[in-house]
Amino acid sequence: MDVFNELENLKTKSGIGPDILLPIFLHVCRFVLFLPITFLFKAFLNNSCFSSIWKSTFMNQIFKKGDKSLTSNYRTILLL
């Protein structure tokens, strides 16, 4: 049920991840997807094997304030 709860509480208006799936799709299809995803997670954990896409991140720089030409005025956000 942990996977189902995470899918149920997913922020549906956030951006897509490296899997190119919209969060709204995962949220709407949670009743069908939570069992296969749970099975995959358990198999990956039992075998200590993870998909390379799950190990990747998207790095985005968010402007905080001040001079936009200074890199110190940006905050790094990593999207898993």
C-alpha atoms as a PDB file:
ATOM      1  CA  MET A   1       0.000   0.000   0.000  1.00  0.00           C
ATOM      2  CA  ASP A   2       2.990   2.337   0.312  1.00  0.00           C
ATOM      3  CA  VAL A   3       3.268   2.637  -3.469  1.00  0.00           C
ATOM      4  CA  PHE A   4      -0.476   3.255  -3.764  1.00  0.00           C
ATOM      5  CA  ASN A   5      -0.315   5.979  -1.098  1.00  0.00           C
ATOM      6  CA  GLU A   6       2.599   7.656  -2.858  1.00  0.00           C
ATOM      7  CA  LEU A   7       0.737   7.589  -6.179  1.00  0.00           C
ATOM      8  CA  GLU A   8      -2.390   8.909  -4.474  1.00  0.00           C
ATOM      9  CA  ASN A   9      -0.482  11.811  -2.883  1.00  0.00           C
ATOM     10  CA  LEU A  10       1.513  12.597  -6.024  1.00  0.00           C
ATOM     11  CA  LYS A  11       1.593  16.266  -7.002  1.00  0.00           C
ATOM     12  CA  THR A  12      -0.286  16.076 -10.288  1.00  0.00           C
ATOM     13  CA  LYS A  13       0.765  19.514 -11.523  1.00  0.00           C
ATOM     14  CA  SER A  14       4.507  18.877 -11.286  1.00  0.00           C
ATOM     15  CA  GLY A  15       6.689  18.269 -14.317  1.00  0.00           C
ATOM     16  CA  ILE A  16       7.587  15.005 -15.950  1.00  0.00           C
ATOM     17  CA  GLY A  17      10.570  12.980 -14.804  1.00  0.00           C
ATOM     18  CA  PRO A  18      13.190  11.037 -16.732  1.00  0.00           C
ATOM     19  CA  ASP A  19      10.598   8.318 -17.409  1.00  0.00           C
ATOM     20  CA  ILE A  20       8.594  10.836 -19.513  1.00  0.00           C
ATOM     21  CA  LEU A  21       5.386  10.008 -17.623  1.00  0.00           C
ATOM     22  CA  LEU A  22       3.116  12.790 -16.484  1.00  0.00           C
ATOM     23  CA  PRO A  23       2.346  12.689 -12.748  1.00  0.00           C
ATOM     24  CA  ILE A  24      -1.374  13.071 -13.520  1.00  0.00           C
ATOM     25  CA  PHE A  25      -1.212   9.820 -15.531  1.00  0.00           C
ATOM     26  CA  LEU A  26       0.374   7.956 -12.602  1.00  0.00           C
ATOM     27  CA  HIS A  27      -2.180   9.432 -10.197  1.00  0.00           C
ATOM     28  CA  VAL A  28      -5.211   8.605 -12.342  1.00  0.00           C
ATOM     29  CA  CYS A  29      -3.977   5.074 -13.128  1.00  0.00           C
ATOM     30  CA  ARG A  30      -2.819   4.323  -9.565  1.00  0.00           C
ATOM     31  CA  PHE A  31      -5.415   1.557  -9.054  1.00  0.00           C
ATOM     32  CA  VAL A  32      -3.980  -0.385 -11.989  1.00  0.00           C
ATOM     33  CA  LEU A  33      -0.311   0.549 -11.622  1.00  0.00           C
ATOM     34  CA  PHE A  34       0.413   0.157  -7.929  1.00  0.00           C
ATOM     35  CA  LEU A  35       0.668  -3.665  -7.941  1.00  0.00           C
ATOM     36  CA  PRO A  36       3.086  -3.914 -10.905  1.00  0.00           C
ATOM     37  CA  ILE A  37       5.176  -1.037  -9.551  1.00  0.00           C
ATOM     38  CA  THR A  38       5.263  -2.663  -6.103  1.00  0.00           C
ATOM     39  CA  PHE A  39       6.379  -5.935  -7.700  1.00  0.00           C
ATOM     40  CA  LEU A  40       9.147  -4.144  -9.625  1.00  0.00           C
ATOM     41  CA  PHE A  41      10.370  -2.278  -6.541  1.00  0.00           C
ATOM     42  CA  LYS A  42      10.525  -5.497  -4.523  1.00  0.00           C
ATOM     43  CA  ALA A  43      12.355  -7.323  -7.324  1.00  0.00           C
ATOM     44  CA  PHE A  44      14.871  -4.487  -7.688  1.00  0.00           C
ATOM     45  CA  LEU A  45      15.483  -4.330  -3.940  1.00  0.00           C
ATOM     46  CA  ASN A  46      15.813  -8.101  -3.583  1.00  0.00           C
ATOM     47  CA  ASN A  47      18.309  -8.294  -6.467  1.00  0.00           C
ATOM     48  CA  SER A  48      20.121  -5.032  -5.657  1.00  0.00           C
ATOM     49  CA  CYS A  49      19.532  -4.033  -9.259  1.00  0.00           C
ATOM     50  CA  PHE A  50      18.177  -0.627 -10.260  1.00  0.00           C
ATOM     51  CA  SER A  51      17.370   0.784 -13.650  1.00  0.00           C
ATOM     52  CA  SER A  52      19.891   3.383 -14.781  1.00  0.00           C
ATOM     53  CA  ILE A  53      17.044   5.834 -15.417  1.00  0.00           C
ATOM     54  CA  TRP A  54      16.232   5.715 -11.682  1.00  0.00           C
ATOM     55  CA  LYS A  55      19.797   6.755 -10.926  1.00  0.00           C
ATOM     56  CA  SER A  56      19.656   9.846 -13.136  1.00  0.00           C
ATOM     57  CA  THR A  57      18.588  13.356 -12.225  1.00  0.00           C
ATOM     58  CA  PHE A  58      17.636  16.557 -13.974  1.00  0.00           C
ATOM     59  CA  MET A  59      19.526  19.598 -12.748  1.00  0.00           C
ATOM     60  CA  ASN A  60      17.797  22.961 -12.958  1.00  0.00           C
ATOM     61  CA  GLN A  61      19.041  26.380 -11.846  1.00  0.00           C
ATOM     62  CA  ILE A  62      16.434  28.593 -10.158  1.00  0.00           C
ATOM     63  CA  PHE A  63      17.095  32.329  -9.955  1.00  0.00           C
ATOM     64  CA  LYS A  64      16.895  33.651  -6.372  1.00  0.00           C
ATOM     65  CA  LYS A  65      17.518  37.419  -6.490  1.00  0.00           C
ATOM     66  CA  GLY A  66      20.071  40.030  -7.456  1.00  0.00           C
ATOM     67  CA  ASP A  67      22.243  40.163 -10.540  1.00  0.00           C
ATOM     68  CA  LYS A  68      21.284  37.410 -13.001  1.00  0.00           C
ATOM     69  CA  SER A  69      24.817  37.263 -14.372  1.00  0.00           C
ATOM     70  CA  LEU A  70      26.221  35.960 -11.049  1.00  0.00           C
ATOM     71  CA  THR A  71      26.032  32.203 -10.578  1.00  0.00           C
ATOM     72  CA  SER A  72      25.836  32.671  -6.791  1.00  0.00           C
ATOM     73  CA  ASN A  73      22.339  34.119  -7.257  1.00  0.00           C
ATOM     74  CA  TYR A  74      20.982  30.784  -8.495  1.00  0.00           C
ATOM     75  CA  ARG A  75      19.847  27.766  -6.514  1.00  0.00           C
ATOM     76  CA  THR A  76      20.377  24.271  -7.892  1.00  0.00           C
ATOM     77  CA  ILE A  77      17.368  21.940  -7.923  1.00  0.00           C
ATOM     78  CA  LEU A  78      17.832  18.249  -8.658  1.00  0.00           C
ATOM     79  CA  LEU A  79      14.794  16.405  -9.919  1.00  0.00           C
ATOM     80  CA  LEU A  80      15.000  12.670  -9.362  1.00  0.00           C
END
